[in-house]
């Protein structure tokens, strides 16, 4: 059995201000993480415009190779180092913190081979707080507990069809979400992290209200029961303030059309902007609190009633997390709505 060495809470003190050079570096790391799509689209467009220039042909050929190049482990050491730098820079950029209500219970379970399925909420425009788990879960055993460093985050598959972005997000500890991948991780006794609200939550969110789309999310709970994985609620305060957005919908088109477009694109049809009107998120402190693991009795063929009851238990735990910690994180007046 691997031995875990509790690192305590992974935090960056909110009152600490970065120096000028460090602040520039953190901005570069956020750009590398979130701006790679914008940069790739611009470069791709320029290359198309410049055809048949040899350099343009080389750039397009590079894109084609990157789109199909295998991203399975082992990962290149330079790619992993880049992911570590992005993770550290992004955590300091906001800054972002990660805390556990019962770290010892989680580690005890992980050491004994018990799988965990972490449901992180809210999704917001972008689930940026997932980066706070990066250094803790997805790095090497030298920088994180040995029993959990092989854990993976699960994200929308569309990200893994985009050249260069697919490589970076894989190195950051992410995989395309699917039932098969989730079951594989949990059957191996690992920890998987997902955003259960997903795209539907993006379509339901409203400014000034923290909206979670969970009451119809039976799938991840059923997988947890089938594999015997403990469910772990996690909630992030501050994330919903990182971007402004305008979403497609009435009166331009009906909500049914929006839902159809979202299913096809596997993302919410919206325009969003952050710092100075750019893709950079606003530097709003993000505080993530991970709740106590919820015990699950393994049942490979659970009834609908059993799944519904466990989902309700998960929702209750998420609501308790929000109500318990919102005042100390500066959100005493925040209203939570669970759909």
Protein backbone atom coordinates (compact mmCIF):
# COMPACT_ATOMS: atom_id res chain seq x y z
CA UNK A 1 0.00 0.00 0.00
CA UNK A 2 1.37 3.41 -0.95
CA UNK A 3 1.96 5.83 1.87
CA UNK A 4 0.37 9.27 1.71
CA UNK A 5 1.93 12.29 3.32
CA UNK A 6 -0.85 14.81 4.07
CA UNK A 7 0.08 18.21 2.60
CA UNK A 8 -2.73 19.97 4.48
CA UNK A 9 -4.72 22.46 2.48
CA UNK A 10 -3.35 23.70 -0.80
CA UNK A 11 -3.76 27.44 -0.46
CA UNK A 12 -2.35 30.74 -1.63
CA UNK A 13 -2.95 33.44 1.01
CA UNK A 14 -5.39 35.93 -0.47
CA UNK A 15 -3.66 38.89 1.12
CA UNK A 16 -0.32 38.13 -0.56
CA UNK A 17 0.38 40.28 -3.63
CA UNK A 18 2.64 39.03 -6.40
CA UNK A 19 5.60 41.04 -7.59
CA UNK A 20 5.56 42.58 -11.06
CA UNK A 21 7.59 39.83 -12.73
CA UNK A 22 5.63 37.06 -11.04
CA UNK A 23 2.37 38.73 -12.00
CA UNK A 24 3.50 38.87 -15.65
CA UNK A 25 4.47 35.20 -15.46
CA UNK A 26 1.08 34.24 -14.01
CA UNK A 27 -0.64 36.09 -16.85
CA UNK A 28 1.48 34.17 -19.35
CA UNK A 29 0.53 30.87 -17.75
CA UNK A 30 -3.18 31.73 -17.85
CA UNK A 31 -2.75 32.68 -21.51
CA UNK A 32 -1.07 29.35 -22.21
CA UNK A 33 -3.94 27.54 -20.51
CA UNK A 34 -6.98 29.45 -21.78
CA UNK A 35 -5.62 31.32 -24.79
CA UNK A 36 -4.25 28.39 -26.77
CA UNK A 37 -7.54 28.06 -28.66
CA UNK A 38 -7.57 31.73 -29.68
CA UNK A 39 -3.92 31.62 -30.70
CA UNK A 40 -4.41 28.39 -32.64
CA UNK A 41 -7.42 29.79 -34.54
CA UNK A 42 -5.56 32.99 -35.48
CA UNK A 43 -2.46 31.11 -36.65
CA UNK A 44 -4.63 28.60 -38.56
CA UNK A 45 -6.49 31.44 -40.30
CA UNK A 46 -3.28 33.20 -41.28
CA UNK A 47 -1.85 29.95 -42.63
CA UNK A 48 -4.93 29.35 -44.77
CA UNK A 49 -4.75 32.90 -46.09
CA UNK A 50 -1.07 32.50 -47.01
CA UNK A 51 -1.42 29.21 -48.93
CA UNK A 52 0.46 27.87 -50.89
CA UNK A 53 3.39 29.45 -49.05
CA UNK A 54 5.71 26.63 -47.80
CA UNK A 55 5.63 27.96 -44.25
CA UNK A 56 1.82 28.00 -44.29
CA UNK A 57 1.80 24.42 -45.58
CA UNK A 58 4.15 23.39 -42.77
CA UNK A 59 1.92 25.06 -40.16
CA UNK A 60 -1.21 23.32 -41.46
CA UNK A 61 0.61 19.99 -41.60
CA UNK A 62 1.64 20.52 -37.96
CA UNK A 63 -1.99 21.14 -37.03
CA UNK A 64 -3.05 17.94 -38.79
CA UNK A 65 -0.44 15.89 -36.96
CA UNK A 66 -1.31 17.47 -33.58
CA UNK A 67 -4.99 16.67 -34.15
CA UNK A 68 -4.35 12.92 -34.39
CA UNK A 69 -1.13 12.43 -32.43
CA UNK A 70 -1.70 9.92 -29.59
CA UNK A 71 -2.08 11.54 -26.16
CA UNK A 72 -1.88 8.39 -24.06
CA UNK A 73 0.80 8.08 -21.35
CA UNK A 74 3.72 8.17 -20.88
CA UNK A 75 3.67 11.92 -21.35
CA UNK A 76 6.77 13.88 -22.42
CA UNK A 77 8.68 15.29 -19.46
CA UNK A 78 8.71 18.78 -20.99
CA UNK A 79 4.93 18.64 -21.40
CA UNK A 80 4.46 17.66 -17.77
CA UNK A 81 6.77 20.48 -16.66
CA UNK A 82 4.72 22.90 -18.75
CA UNK A 83 1.53 21.63 -17.11
CA UNK A 84 3.04 22.12 -13.65
CA UNK A 85 4.05 25.68 -14.53
CA UNK A 86 0.56 26.46 -15.86
CA UNK A 87 -1.06 24.99 -12.75
CA UNK A 88 1.13 26.95 -10.34
CA UNK A 89 0.76 30.19 -12.30
CA UNK A 90 -3.02 29.87 -12.63
CA UNK A 91 -3.49 29.17 -8.91
CA UNK A 92 -1.55 32.32 -8.05
CA UNK A 93 -3.25 34.42 -10.76
CA UNK A 94 -6.67 34.58 -9.09
CA UNK A 95 -5.52 33.46 -6.43
CA UNK A 96 -7.29 30.14 -5.90
CA UNK A 97 -7.38 27.91 -2.82
CA UNK A 98 -8.37 24.35 -2.08
CA UNK A 99 -9.51 23.13 1.35
CA UNK A 100 -10.86 19.83 2.69
CA UNK A 101 -13.44 19.34 5.41
CA UNK A 102 -12.10 15.87 6.20
CA UNK A 103 -8.81 15.29 4.44
CA UNK A 104 -7.82 12.39 6.70
CA UNK A 105 -10.96 10.41 5.87
CA UNK A 106 -10.36 10.88 2.16
CA UNK A 107 -6.72 9.80 2.39
CA UNK A 108 -7.58 6.78 4.53
CA UNK A 109 -10.00 5.63 1.87
CA UNK A 110 -7.57 6.33 -0.98
CA UNK A 111 -4.80 4.41 0.78
CA UNK A 112 -7.04 1.37 1.14
CA UNK A 113 -7.96 1.44 -2.57
CA UNK A 114 -11.43 2.96 -2.24
CA UNK A 115 -12.41 4.91 -5.35
CA UNK A 116 -13.75 8.47 -5.09
CA UNK A 117 -15.89 10.48 -7.50
CA UNK A 118 -15.64 14.21 -6.85
CA UNK A 119 -18.50 16.35 -8.14
CA UNK A 120 -17.24 19.94 -8.45
CA UNK A 121 -19.74 22.80 -8.74
CA UNK A 122 -20.64 25.23 -10.16
CA UNK A 123 -19.72 24.99 -13.83
CA UNK A 124 -20.06 28.76 -14.41
CA UNK A 125 -18.90 30.08 -17.80
CA UNK A 126 -15.73 28.03 -17.43
CA UNK A 127 -15.00 25.65 -14.53
CA UNK A 128 -11.69 27.35 -13.79
CA UNK A 129 -11.41 26.08 -10.23
CA UNK A 130 -10.56 22.63 -11.53
CA UNK A 131 -7.00 23.94 -11.78
CA UNK A 132 -6.78 24.04 -7.98
CA UNK A 133 -6.81 20.24 -8.01
CA UNK A 134 -4.00 20.13 -10.56
CA UNK A 135 -0.97 20.35 -8.32
CA UNK A 136 -2.62 18.13 -5.73
CA UNK A 137 -3.87 15.31 -7.94
CA UNK A 138 -2.28 15.29 -11.35
CA UNK A 139 1.38 16.00 -10.73
CA UNK A 140 4.15 13.59 -9.83
CA UNK A 141 4.39 11.67 -6.55
CA UNK A 142 7.11 14.10 -5.52
CA UNK A 143 4.59 16.94 -5.26
CA UNK A 144 1.40 15.13 -4.28
CA UNK A 145 0.32 12.11 -2.21
CA UNK A 146 1.33 8.87 -3.91
CA UNK A 147 -2.07 7.28 -3.43
CA UNK A 148 -3.96 9.94 -5.41
CA UNK A 149 -1.54 11.46 -7.91
CA UNK A 150 -2.86 9.22 -10.71
CA UNK A 151 -6.35 10.75 -10.36
CA UNK A 152 -7.86 12.41 -13.41
CA UNK A 153 -10.27 15.21 -14.18
CA UNK A 154 -12.96 14.58 -16.80
CA UNK A 155 -13.90 17.37 -19.24
CA UNK A 156 -16.05 17.86 -22.34
CA UNK A 157 -14.79 15.75 -25.29
CA UNK A 158 -14.75 18.72 -27.67
CA UNK A 159 -11.58 20.01 -25.98
CA UNK A 160 -9.75 16.88 -27.04
CA UNK A 161 -10.42 17.40 -30.75
CA UNK A 162 -8.55 20.72 -30.89
CA UNK A 163 -4.86 20.55 -31.87
CA UNK A 164 -2.42 21.54 -29.10
CA UNK A 165 -5.26 22.11 -26.63
CA UNK A 166 -5.83 18.36 -26.42
CA UNK A 167 -2.18 17.81 -25.54
CA UNK A 168 -2.05 20.56 -22.92
CA UNK A 169 -5.25 19.52 -21.17
CA UNK A 170 -4.11 15.90 -21.08
CA UNK A 171 -0.83 16.94 -19.47
CA UNK A 172 -2.86 19.03 -17.00
CA UNK A 173 -4.51 15.81 -15.81
CA UNK A 174 -7.70 15.84 -17.89
CA UNK A 175 -9.37 13.23 -20.06
CA UNK A 176 -12.43 13.35 -22.30
CA UNK A 177 -15.43 12.46 -20.18
CA UNK A 178 -17.21 9.20 -20.95
CA UNK A 179 -18.89 6.51 -18.91
CA UNK A 180 -16.22 4.01 -19.94
CA UNK A 181 -13.39 6.25 -18.76
CA UNK A 182 -15.13 7.01 -15.48
CA UNK A 183 -15.82 3.34 -14.80
CA UNK A 184 -12.22 2.41 -15.65
CA UNK A 185 -10.77 4.95 -13.20
CA UNK A 186 -13.14 4.02 -10.39
CA UNK A 187 -12.73 0.27 -10.86
CA UNK A 188 -8.99 0.84 -10.48
CA UNK A 189 -9.61 2.50 -7.11
CA UNK A 190 -8.63 5.95 -8.34
CA UNK A 191 -10.21 9.36 -7.92
CA UNK A 192 -12.13 10.93 -10.79
CA UNK A 193 -13.33 14.52 -10.85
CA UNK A 194 -16.16 15.89 -12.98
CA UNK A 195 -18.49 18.88 -13.22
CA UNK A 196 -21.90 17.16 -13.03
CA UNK A 197 -23.89 20.27 -13.97
CA UNK A 198 -22.15 20.44 -17.34
CA UNK A 199 -23.43 22.36 -20.34
CA UNK A 200 -27.04 22.25 -19.10
CA UNK A 201 -25.95 24.27 -16.08
CA UNK A 202 -24.44 26.92 -18.36
CA UNK A 203 -27.80 27.24 -20.10
CA UNK A 204 -29.64 27.62 -16.79
CA UNK A 205 -27.33 30.02 -14.92
CA UNK A 206 -28.38 33.61 -14.23
CA UNK A 207 -26.39 36.63 -13.03
CA UNK A 208 -26.60 37.19 -9.29
CA UNK A 209 -27.76 33.65 -8.50
CA UNK A 210 -25.59 30.56 -8.07
CA UNK A 211 -27.36 27.91 -10.13
CA UNK A 212 -26.60 24.19 -10.00
CA UNK A 213 -28.19 21.73 -12.45
CA UNK A 214 -28.19 18.47 -10.49
CA UNK A 215 -31.67 17.06 -9.92
CA UNK A 216 -31.66 15.15 -13.22
CA UNK A 217 -28.00 14.11 -13.06
CA UNK A 218 -28.53 10.47 -12.15
CA UNK A 219 -25.78 9.08 -14.37
CA UNK A 220 -22.67 9.89 -12.32
CA UNK A 221 -24.39 8.73 -9.12
CA UNK A 222 -25.36 5.42 -10.73
CA UNK A 223 -21.74 4.86 -11.82
CA UNK A 224 -20.56 5.59 -8.27
CA UNK A 225 -22.96 2.97 -6.89
CA UNK A 226 -22.03 0.41 -9.53
CA UNK A 227 -18.31 0.78 -8.76
CA UNK A 228 -18.62 1.36 -5.01
CA UNK A 229 -16.94 4.77 -5.28
CA UNK A 230 -17.55 7.30 -2.53
CA UNK A 231 -19.19 10.52 -3.72
CA UNK A 232 -17.42 13.73 -2.73
CA UNK A 233 -19.13 17.14 -3.11
CA UNK A 234 -16.97 20.21 -3.81
CA UNK A 235 -18.04 23.82 -4.22
CA UNK A 236 -16.17 26.89 -5.43
CA UNK A 237 -16.96 30.41 -4.29
CA UNK A 238 -16.03 33.30 -6.60
CA UNK A 239 -15.77 31.41 -9.88
CA UNK A 240 -19.04 32.79 -11.28
CA UNK A 241 -17.59 36.32 -11.11
CA UNK A 242 -14.61 35.63 -13.37
CA UNK A 243 -16.49 36.30 -16.65
CA UNK A 244 -19.33 38.36 -18.05
CA UNK A 245 -21.38 36.65 -20.73
CA UNK A 246 -24.17 36.95 -23.27
CA UNK A 247 -25.97 33.71 -24.09
CA UNK A 248 -27.91 32.79 -27.21
CA UNK A 249 -31.65 32.56 -26.52
CA UNK A 250 -34.99 34.39 -26.66
CA UNK A 251 -35.93 36.61 -28.40
CA UNK A 252 -33.28 35.68 -30.99
CA UNK A 253 -34.21 32.00 -30.91
CA UNK A 254 -36.12 29.56 -28.71
CA UNK A 255 -34.62 27.68 -25.78
CA UNK A 256 -35.16 24.41 -27.67
CA UNK A 257 -32.93 25.67 -30.49
CA UNK A 258 -30.30 26.69 -27.93
CA UNK A 259 -30.40 23.25 -26.34
CA UNK A 260 -30.03 21.61 -29.75
CA UNK A 261 -27.03 23.79 -30.63
CA UNK A 262 -25.47 23.03 -27.24
CA UNK A 263 -25.86 19.27 -27.77
CA UNK A 264 -24.26 19.47 -31.21
CA UNK A 265 -21.36 21.69 -30.09
CA UNK A 266 -21.02 20.00 -26.69
CA UNK A 267 -20.73 23.49 -25.22
CA UNK A 268 -23.04 26.39 -24.40
CA UNK A 269 -23.54 28.89 -27.26
CA UNK A 270 -22.43 32.10 -25.59
CA UNK A 271 -19.99 34.96 -25.87
CA UNK A 272 -17.97 35.76 -22.77
CA UNK A 273 -15.25 38.14 -21.74
CA UNK A 274 -13.17 38.78 -18.67
CA UNK A 275 -10.32 41.12 -17.79
CA UNK A 276 -10.26 44.21 -20.03
CA UNK A 277 -12.72 42.51 -22.42
CA UNK A 278 -10.32 39.65 -23.21
CA UNK A 279 -10.37 35.88 -22.72
CA UNK A 280 -8.37 36.36 -19.53
CA UNK A 281 -10.62 35.79 -16.50
CA UNK A 282 -11.04 38.51 -13.91
CA UNK A 283 -8.70 38.09 -10.97
CA UNK A 284 -11.39 37.16 -8.48
CA UNK A 285 -10.27 35.01 -5.52
CA UNK A 286 -11.68 31.51 -5.90
CA UNK A 287 -12.17 29.39 -2.78
CA UNK A 288 -12.90 25.69 -3.26
CA UNK A 289 -14.10 23.61 -0.33
CA UNK A 290 -14.22 19.81 -0.61
CA UNK A 291 -16.87 18.17 1.55
CA UNK A 292 -16.84 14.91 3.48
CA UNK A 293 -17.01 11.72 1.40
CA UNK A 294 -20.46 10.15 1.14
CA UNK A 295 -20.47 6.40 1.75
CA UNK A 296 -21.80 4.26 -1.10
CA UNK A 297 -22.81 0.59 -0.97
CA UNK A 298 -21.67 -1.14 -4.15
CA UNK A 299 -24.50 -2.50 -6.26
CA UNK A 300 -23.90 -3.35 -9.91
CA UNK A 301 -27.61 -3.11 -10.69
CA UNK A 302 -29.06 -0.34 -8.52
CA UNK A 303 -32.74 0.56 -8.70
CA UNK A 304 -33.90 3.98 -9.86
CA UNK A 305 -35.08 4.68 -6.31
CA UNK A 306 -31.63 3.85 -4.90
CA UNK A 307 -29.91 6.16 -7.38
CA UNK A 308 -32.41 8.96 -6.76
CA UNK A 309 -31.94 8.70 -2.99
CA UNK A 310 -28.16 8.87 -3.26
CA UNK A 311 -28.38 11.83 -5.64
CA UNK A 312 -30.59 13.64 -3.14
CA UNK A 313 -28.00 12.92 -0.44
CA UNK A 314 -25.31 14.42 -2.68
CA UNK A 315 -27.42 17.53 -3.33
CA UNK A 316 -28.09 17.96 0.40
CA UNK A 317 -24.34 17.74 1.05
CA UNK A 318 -23.65 20.34 -1.65
CA UNK A 319 -26.24 22.72 -0.20
CA UNK A 320 -24.75 22.24 3.26
CA UNK A 321 -21.28 23.05 1.92
CA UNK A 322 -22.57 26.30 0.46
CA UNK A 323 -24.50 27.37 3.52
CA UNK A 324 -21.76 26.42 5.96
CA UNK A 325 -18.90 28.24 4.26
CA UNK A 326 -20.43 31.11 2.28
CA UNK A 327 -20.16 33.70 5.07
CA UNK A 328 -16.48 33.13 5.86
CA UNK A 329 -15.65 33.32 2.16
CA UNK A 330 -17.47 36.64 1.77
CA UNK A 331 -20.71 35.42 0.16
CA UNK A 332 -23.14 35.64 3.08
CA UNK A 333 -25.93 37.00 0.89
CA UNK A 334 -25.46 34.60 -2.00
CA UNK A 335 -28.54 32.57 -3.02
CA UNK A 336 -28.13 29.00 -4.24
CA UNK A 337 -30.68 27.41 -6.57
CA UNK A 338 -30.55 23.72 -7.41
CA UNK A 339 -32.49 22.71 -10.52
